[in-house]
Amino acid sequence: MPPEKPHWAHLYDEVVTSGLCTGCAGCVIACPHDVLGYDDEHGAYKPIQIEDYGGPGDCSHGEKGCTMCTRACPRFRAWEPEIDEHLFGRVRTADEVAGVYKDIVLARATDPQLHEAGQDGGLVSALLVYALEHDIVDAALVSYLDGDGSTWKAVPGVARTREEVLASAGSRYTYSANPLAYAKTDKEEQRLALVGMSCQASVPGAMKQRKAGKVARRIALTIGLLCSKTFDDRIFEELLEARYDLPRSVIAKMNVKGRLQVWTHDGRYVEVPLKECHPFTREGCTLCPDFAAEHADISTGGIGAFDDWTLTIVRTDPGRELMERMLADGWIETRPGDDDPGAIELMRKLARKSRARWPGFAPPEPGVVDR
């Protein structure tokens, strides 16, 4: 009996319509036949089959043997141990609830412009600018605010310069499928950085482990953002505007520190309890088991006691090499992660909570938690 060649029909049933799909768009950018599109209307954030062939779960290329979409999906079958083996040479142990890593430090940018423009010390902005200016990557897949920013609609885009990195800086708490920016890169840009939430940070590892073609080979650096959830766009009108008089156009900055923090252009500061935000959790986040961006080269998050330092989890050799070069060149400053033990414990607590979401009908590995 010939071996199974899982394709779009399997992905559609097992991931896209089962609730496991995070909307990362890895399958869309990997599709060599351009028959997968992306629906980001009305909170969907899902891949769709756009070929004029059969129903939504059918694909003529898949029936002929194309398996590229399932190779790229970081939620398809035994994705976690497969990516672990590729990145770290082993599967994480039960007590490594936040994934495998080499170092945990607190870090921030030393450049005042990057520090000020970025979130929680500007580390991600510094990583990208350094990598671009020191011939490590050619471009970065990031997110921007659409138009003049007044809509707070997050959209994927490409950063190639310091100015473009600065324009992309800051956190959005609605979803942007940053891998989709791959289609906006030039063929000459063969070394790409990907900045994305936990689900997106697993895309390069899945692709490389399963040999998903040229897309996998071009992603040279992955920066993951610690993420417990993102919100549906409805949160703006139905909560922030209706209850707190915060229409999208007045919002200057947002952050989450045990509550949703909102700053406005006219100097107001408003705190919104997270329990009021929970009803607006994006569907693709409800079963996601990965808080700590466990398959990034470097995972980052603004949790803990120090608002202008980023909790930084260095996971791979390329990640460590980049951090060491930046530290030696004076681009960042670091302090031991143990300076903020509460941040490390909070990371583990939130990682456990996320892993508990993984459903019983799915492959069991991501649901394992330490006791």
Protein backbone atom coordinates (compact mmCIF):
# COMPACT_ATOMS: atom_id res chain seq x y z
CA MET A 1 0.00 0.00 0.00
CA PRO A 2 1.53 3.37 -1.00
CA PRO A 3 2.30 5.81 1.82
CA GLU A 4 -0.28 8.49 2.56
CA LYS A 5 0.34 11.88 1.01
CA PRO A 6 -1.62 14.28 3.23
CA HIS A 7 -2.80 17.34 1.34
CA TRP A 8 -5.34 20.17 1.54
CA ALA A 9 -8.32 17.86 2.14
CA HIS A 10 -6.60 16.48 5.26
CA LEU A 11 -5.49 19.93 6.40
CA TYR A 12 -8.98 21.32 5.89
CA ASP A 13 -10.58 18.59 8.00
CA GLU A 14 -7.93 18.18 10.68
CA VAL A 15 -6.91 21.82 11.21
CA VAL A 16 -8.81 24.50 9.31
CA THR A 17 -12.32 23.45 10.33
CA SER A 18 -11.52 21.60 13.56
CA GLY A 19 -10.60 24.67 15.60
CA LEU A 20 -6.83 24.05 15.59
CA CYS A 21 -6.11 26.60 12.85
CA THR A 22 -4.47 29.74 14.22
CA GLY A 23 -4.63 31.63 10.95
CA CYS A 24 -0.85 31.87 10.66
CA ALA A 25 -1.02 31.63 6.82
CA GLY A 26 1.97 29.30 6.56
CA CYS A 27 0.04 27.08 4.16
CA VAL A 28 -0.87 30.07 1.98
CA ILE A 29 2.70 31.24 1.38
CA ALA A 30 3.94 27.68 0.86
CA CYS A 31 1.35 26.78 -1.80
CA PRO A 32 3.28 26.48 -5.09
CA HIS A 33 0.11 26.65 -7.19
CA ASP A 34 -1.38 29.83 -5.68
CA VAL A 35 -4.73 28.16 -5.02
CA LEU A 36 -4.88 29.10 -1.34
CA GLY A 37 -6.07 32.54 -0.29
CA TYR A 38 -6.67 34.15 3.07
CA ASP A 39 -9.92 35.37 4.61
CA ASP A 40 -9.38 38.11 7.19
CA GLU A 41 -12.89 39.56 7.02
CA HIS A 42 -15.31 39.53 9.96
CA GLY A 43 -12.81 37.91 12.30
CA ALA A 44 -12.27 34.78 10.20
CA TYR A 45 -8.46 34.79 9.74
CA LYS A 46 -8.41 31.44 7.92
CA PRO A 47 -6.89 30.02 4.74
CA ILE A 48 -9.35 29.31 1.96
CA GLN A 49 -9.16 27.30 -1.24
CA ILE A 50 -9.72 29.71 -4.17
CA GLU A 51 -9.37 27.29 -7.07
CA ASP A 52 -12.48 26.79 -9.19
CA TYR A 53 -12.58 23.13 -8.33
CA GLY A 54 -14.97 21.20 -6.10
CA GLY A 55 -15.82 22.44 -2.63
CA PRO A 56 -13.80 24.33 -0.01
CA GLY A 57 -12.04 21.17 1.14
CA ASP A 58 -11.04 20.03 -2.36
CA CYS A 59 -7.82 20.75 -4.24
CA SER A 60 -6.96 19.35 -7.67
CA HIS A 61 -3.23 19.70 -6.98
CA GLY A 62 -3.52 17.85 -3.69
CA GLU A 63 -5.32 15.00 -5.40
CA LYS A 64 -2.38 14.81 -7.80
CA GLY A 65 0.10 14.51 -4.94
CA CYS A 66 0.98 18.05 -3.79
CA THR A 67 1.51 18.05 -0.02
CA MET A 68 3.09 21.47 0.47
CA CYS A 69 0.32 23.00 2.60
CA THR A 70 0.44 20.23 5.20
CA ARG A 71 4.23 20.49 5.35
CA ALA A 72 3.98 24.18 6.20
CA CYS A 73 1.27 23.95 8.85
CA PRO A 74 2.50 24.31 12.45
CA ARG A 75 -0.62 22.63 13.80
CA PHE A 76 -0.77 19.58 11.50
CA ARG A 77 -0.42 16.23 13.26
CA ALA A 78 2.81 15.80 15.30
CA TRP A 79 4.00 19.34 14.64
CA GLU A 80 5.57 20.08 18.03
CA PRO A 81 7.98 17.12 18.41
CA GLU A 82 8.87 17.34 14.73
CA ILE A 83 9.87 21.01 15.02
CA ASP A 84 11.62 20.37 18.36
CA GLU A 85 13.76 17.68 16.74
CA HIS A 86 14.69 19.99 13.87
CA LEU A 87 15.59 23.00 16.01
CA PHE A 88 17.01 21.40 19.15
CA GLY A 89 17.83 17.80 18.24
CA ARG A 90 15.40 16.50 20.84
CA VAL A 91 11.83 16.77 22.04
CA ARG A 92 11.19 19.02 25.02
CA THR A 93 10.68 17.34 28.38
CA ALA A 94 7.51 17.63 30.44
CA ASP A 95 9.04 20.22 32.77
CA GLU A 96 10.03 22.44 29.82
CA VAL A 97 6.53 23.84 29.72
CA ALA A 98 7.71 27.00 27.92
CA GLY A 99 9.83 25.08 25.41
CA VAL A 100 13.55 24.42 25.02
CA TYR A 101 15.93 27.34 25.51
CA LYS A 102 19.57 28.23 26.09
CA ASP A 103 19.36 31.50 28.05
CA ILE A 104 16.80 33.77 29.69
CA VAL A 105 17.80 37.42 30.12
CA LEU A 106 16.24 40.83 30.42
CA ALA A 107 17.25 43.01 27.49
CA ARG A 108 16.65 46.44 26.00
CA ALA A 109 17.96 48.62 23.19
CA THR A 110 20.64 51.19 24.01
CA ASP A 111 19.74 53.42 21.04
CA PRO A 112 17.32 56.06 22.45
CA GLN A 113 15.30 56.17 19.23
CA LEU A 114 14.78 52.40 19.14
CA HIS A 115 14.16 52.26 22.89
CA GLU A 116 11.50 54.95 22.74
CA ALA A 117 9.71 53.75 19.61
CA GLY A 118 9.60 50.10 20.59
CA GLN A 119 7.60 48.26 23.20
CA ASP A 120 9.14 47.41 26.59
CA GLY A 121 12.64 48.60 25.79
CA GLY A 122 12.72 48.32 22.01
CA LEU A 123 14.57 44.99 21.82
CA VAL A 124 12.72 43.65 18.77
CA SER A 125 13.31 46.88 16.86
CA ALA A 126 17.01 46.72 17.76
CA LEU A 127 17.26 43.08 16.65
CA LEU A 128 15.78 43.91 13.26
CA VAL A 129 17.75 47.09 12.60
CA TYR A 130 21.02 45.43 13.63
CA ALA A 131 20.32 42.39 11.42
CA LEU A 132 19.47 44.62 8.46
CA GLU A 133 22.43 46.94 8.88
CA HIS A 134 24.96 44.15 9.51
CA ASP A 135 24.13 42.00 6.48
CA ILE A 136 22.42 39.25 8.46
CA VAL A 137 19.02 39.60 6.79
CA ASP A 138 17.78 41.44 3.71
CA ALA A 139 14.25 42.21 4.85
CA ALA A 140 11.84 41.51 7.71
CA LEU A 141 8.24 40.30 7.69
CA VAL A 142 6.42 42.44 10.26
CA SER A 143 3.08 44.15 10.86
CA TYR A 144 2.02 47.75 10.41
CA LEU A 145 -1.08 49.73 11.20
CA ASP A 146 -3.09 50.21 8.03
CA GLY A 147 -3.17 53.66 6.41
CA ASP A 148 -2.47 56.50 8.83
CA GLY A 149 -2.92 54.19 11.82
CA SER A 150 -6.25 55.61 12.91
CA THR A 151 -8.13 52.39 12.12
CA TRP A 152 -5.84 50.23 14.27
CA LYS A 153 -6.13 47.54 11.61
CA ALA A 154 -2.97 45.43 11.76
CA VAL A 155 -1.65 44.36 8.35
CA PRO A 156 1.41 42.37 7.22
CA GLY A 157 4.27 44.26 5.60
CA VAL A 158 7.98 44.25 4.82
CA ALA A 159 10.64 46.31 6.62
CA ARG A 160 13.94 46.94 4.84
CA THR A 161 15.27 50.04 6.60
CA ARG A 162 15.56 51.52 10.07
CA GLU A 163 12.71 53.90 9.26
CA GLU A 164 10.43 51.04 8.23
CA VAL A 165 11.30 49.07 11.36
CA LEU A 166 10.45 52.10 13.48
CA ALA A 167 7.14 52.48 11.62
CA SER A 168 6.29 48.88 12.48
CA ALA A 169 7.25 49.17 16.17
CA GLY A 170 4.79 48.67 18.98
CA SER A 171 2.25 46.01 19.82
CA ARG A 172 -1.17 45.42 18.33
CA TYR A 173 -3.57 43.13 20.09
CA THR A 174 -5.57 42.21 17.02
CA TYR A 175 -4.21 39.74 14.49
CA SER A 176 -1.87 40.22 11.56
CA ALA A 177 -0.75 37.13 9.63
CA ASN A 178 2.80 38.41 9.15
CA PRO A 179 3.95 35.45 7.00
CA LEU A 180 1.68 36.84 4.26
CA ALA A 181 4.22 39.65 3.80
CA TYR A 182 6.42 37.03 2.13
CA ALA A 183 4.56 37.71 -1.13
CA LYS A 184 5.72 41.34 -0.96
CA THR A 185 9.44 40.53 -0.85
CA ASP A 186 11.79 40.70 -3.82
CA LYS A 187 13.45 37.59 -5.24
CA GLU A 188 16.85 39.07 -4.42
CA GLU A 189 15.95 39.16 -0.73
CA GLN A 190 17.02 35.64 0.12
CA ARG A 191 17.48 36.09 3.90
CA LEU A 192 14.31 37.08 5.69
CA ALA A 193 13.50 37.71 9.32
CA LEU A 194 10.02 36.83 10.56
CA VAL A 195 8.51 38.59 13.55
CA GLY A 196 5.34 36.96 14.73
CA MET A 197 3.24 35.63 17.53
CA SER A 198 3.77 32.12 18.86
CA CYS A 199 1.76 30.38 16.17
CA GLN A 200 3.60 32.21 13.39
CA ALA A 201 7.00 31.59 14.98
CA SER A 202 6.50 27.85 14.45
CA VAL A 203 5.98 28.24 10.69
CA PRO A 204 9.68 28.29 9.65
CA GLY A 205 10.49 25.25 11.80
CA ALA A 206 7.59 23.28 10.38
CA MET A 207 8.58 24.18 6.84
CA LYS A 208 12.24 23.32 7.31
CA GLN A 209 11.60 20.04 9.10
CA ARG A 210 9.16 18.91 6.41
CA LYS A 211 11.18 20.37 3.51
CA ALA A 212 8.56 22.80 2.27
CA GLY A 213 10.62 24.30 -0.53
CA LYS A 214 12.18 27.68 -1.15
CA VAL A 215 10.04 29.58 1.37
CA ALA A 216 11.62 27.64 4.22
CA ARG A 217 15.14 28.28 2.93
CA ARG A 218 14.63 32.05 2.82
CA ILE A 219 13.62 32.56 6.45
CA ALA A 220 16.90 33.06 8.28
CA LEU A 221 15.76 34.51 11.62
CA THR A 222 12.59 34.08 13.64
CA ILE A 223 11.65 36.44 16.46
CA GLY A 224 8.66 35.23 18.47
CA LEU A 225 6.32 37.33 20.59
CA LEU A 226 4.97 35.84 23.80
CA CYS A 227 1.23 35.65 23.28
CA SER A 228 -1.70 34.25 25.23
CA LYS A 229 -4.30 35.58 22.79
CA THR A 230 -5.25 38.27 20.33
CA PHE A 231 -8.58 40.04 20.09
CA ASP A 232 -11.20 40.20 17.41
CA ASP A 233 -11.52 43.63 15.78
CA ARG A 234 -14.95 43.91 17.40
CA ILE A 235 -13.22 44.90 20.63
CA PHE A 236 -12.76 48.44 19.34
CA GLU A 237 -16.39 49.37 18.74
CA GLU A 238 -18.14 47.00 21.15
CA LEU A 239 -15.89 47.52 24.18
CA LEU A 240 -13.35 50.33 23.90
CA GLU A 241 -15.63 52.82 22.18
CA ALA A 242 -18.98 51.76 23.64
CA ARG A 243 -17.85 51.45 27.25
CA TYR A 244 -14.75 53.63 27.53
CA ASP A 245 -15.27 56.35 24.90
CA LEU A 246 -12.15 55.22 23.03
CA PRO A 247 -12.83 55.21 19.29
CA ARG A 248 -10.00 53.79 17.20
CA SER A 249 -8.91 57.18 15.91
CA VAL A 250 -7.94 58.52 19.37
CA ILE A 251 -5.78 55.55 20.42
CA ALA A 252 -2.04 56.22 20.36
CA LYS A 253 -0.66 53.10 22.06
CA MET A 254 -1.81 49.90 23.74
CA ASN A 255 -0.14 47.40 26.05
CA VAL A 256 -1.15 44.49 28.28
CA LYS A 257 0.22 44.34 31.82
CA GLY A 258 -2.37 42.38 33.76
CA ARG A 259 -4.95 44.68 32.15
CA LEU A 260 -5.35 46.33 28.78
CA GLN A 261 -3.63 49.71 28.90
CA VAL A 262 -4.65 52.39 26.43
CA TRP A 263 -3.01 55.77 25.80
CA THR A 264 -4.67 58.39 23.61
CA HIS A 265 -3.29 61.14 21.40
CA ASP A 266 -4.70 63.80 23.74
CA GLY A 267 -2.91 62.42 26.81
CA ARG A 268 -5.58 60.21 28.37
CA TYR A 269 -4.67 56.90 29.98
CA VAL A 270 -7.31 54.21 30.46
CA GLU A 271 -7.10 50.74 32.02
CA VAL A 272 -9.50 48.02 30.90
CA PRO A 273 -9.81 44.83 33.01
CA LEU A 274 -8.81 41.79 30.98
CA LYS A 275 -11.95 39.94 32.03
CA GLU A 276 -13.91 42.48 29.97
CA CYS A 277 -11.69 41.69 26.97
CA HIS A 278 -12.05 37.89 27.14
CA PRO A 279 -15.34 37.75 25.16
CA PHE A 280 -13.44 39.26 22.22
CA THR A 281 -10.76 36.54 22.09
CA ARG A 282 -10.07 35.64 18.48
CA GLU A 283 -11.37 32.18 17.54
CA GLY A 284 -7.96 31.02 16.33
CA CYS A 285 -6.46 31.60 19.78
CA THR A 286 -8.88 29.54 21.85
CA LEU A 287 -7.08 26.19 21.35
CA CYS A 288 -3.51 27.46 20.85
CA PRO A 289 -1.13 25.74 23.33
CA ASP A 290 1.96 27.90 22.77
CA PHE A 291 2.32 31.02 24.90
CA ALA A 292 6.11 31.27 24.82
CA ALA A 293 6.83 31.22 21.05
CA GLU A 294 8.72 28.00 21.67
CA HIS A 295 10.07 27.61 18.11
CA ALA A 296 11.56 31.07 17.59
CA ASP A 297 15.28 31.74 17.55
CA ILE A 298 14.58 34.44 20.15
CA SER A 299 11.30 34.79 22.05
CA THR A 300 10.41 38.13 23.61
CA GLY A 301 7.73 39.56 25.85
CA GLY A 302 7.03 42.53 28.07
CA ILE A 303 6.03 40.63 31.17
CA GLY A 304 7.39 41.17 34.63
CA ALA A 305 8.30 43.97 36.99
CA PHE A 306 10.36 46.19 34.68
CA ASP A 307 8.37 48.06 32.03
CA ASP A 308 11.37 49.08 29.93
CA TRP A 309 13.06 45.65 29.79
CA THR A 310 12.03 42.71 27.62
CA LEU A 311 12.01 39.17 28.94
CA THR A 312 14.16 37.43 26.32
CA ILE A 313 14.33 33.67 25.78
CA VAL A 314 17.26 32.70 23.57
CA ARG A 315 16.52 29.29 22.05
CA THR A 316 18.90 28.53 19.17
CA ASP A 317 22.56 28.97 18.25
CA PRO A 318 21.75 31.69 15.66
CA GLY A 319 19.70 33.49 18.30
CA ARG A 320 22.52 33.35 20.82
CA GLU A 321 25.09 34.50 18.24
CA LEU A 322 22.96 37.50 17.31
CA MET A 323 22.44 38.51 20.94
CA GLU A 324 26.16 38.15 21.69
CA ARG A 325 27.15 40.28 18.68
CA MET A 326 24.70 43.02 19.61
CA LEU A 327 25.84 43.01 23.21
CA ALA A 328 29.51 43.20 22.17
CA ASP A 329 28.76 46.06 19.76
CA GLY A 330 26.82 47.99 22.40
CA TRP A 331 23.44 47.78 20.68
CA ILE A 332 21.70 46.19 23.66
CA GLU A 333 22.20 45.85 27.36
CA THR A 334 21.17 42.80 29.33
CA ARG A 335 20.74 41.66 32.90
CA PRO A 336 20.15 38.16 34.26
CA GLY A 337 16.63 36.81 33.96
CA ASP A 338 16.89 35.94 37.65
CA ASP A 339 16.72 39.67 38.38
CA ASP A 340 12.99 39.26 37.78
CA PRO A 341 12.04 35.76 38.97
CA GLY A 342 8.40 36.79 38.92
CA ALA A 343 8.56 37.26 35.15
CA ILE A 344 9.96 33.76 34.63
CA GLU A 345 7.33 32.24 36.88
CA LEU A 346 4.61 34.19 35.10
CA MET A 347 5.90 32.91 31.76
CA ARG A 348 5.67 29.34 33.04
CA LYS A 349 2.22 29.94 34.52
CA LEU A 350 0.86 31.37 31.29
CA ALA A 351 2.54 28.60 29.29
CA ARG A 352 0.81 25.97 31.44
CA LYS A 353 -2.50 27.73 31.00
CA SER A 354 -2.09 27.81 27.23
CA ARG A 355 -1.09 24.14 27.05
CA ALA A 356 -4.24 23.21 28.96
CA ARG A 357 -6.27 24.51 25.99
CA TRP A 358 -5.04 21.80 23.63
CA PRO A 359 -8.04 19.55 22.92
CA GLY A 360 -8.27 15.83 23.44
CA PHE A 361 -9.08 15.12 19.79
CA ALA A 362 -5.71 16.50 18.63
CA PRO A 363 -2.23 14.87 18.76
CA PRO A 364 -1.33 14.70 22.45
CA GLU A 365 2.17 16.18 22.65
CA PRO A 366 1.42 19.92 23.10
CA GLY A 367 -0.99 19.16 25.92
CA VAL A 368 1.70 17.75 28.20
CA VAL A 369 2.33 20.06 31.17
CA ASP A 370 4.71 19.87 34.10
CA ARG A 371 3.25 19.01 37.45
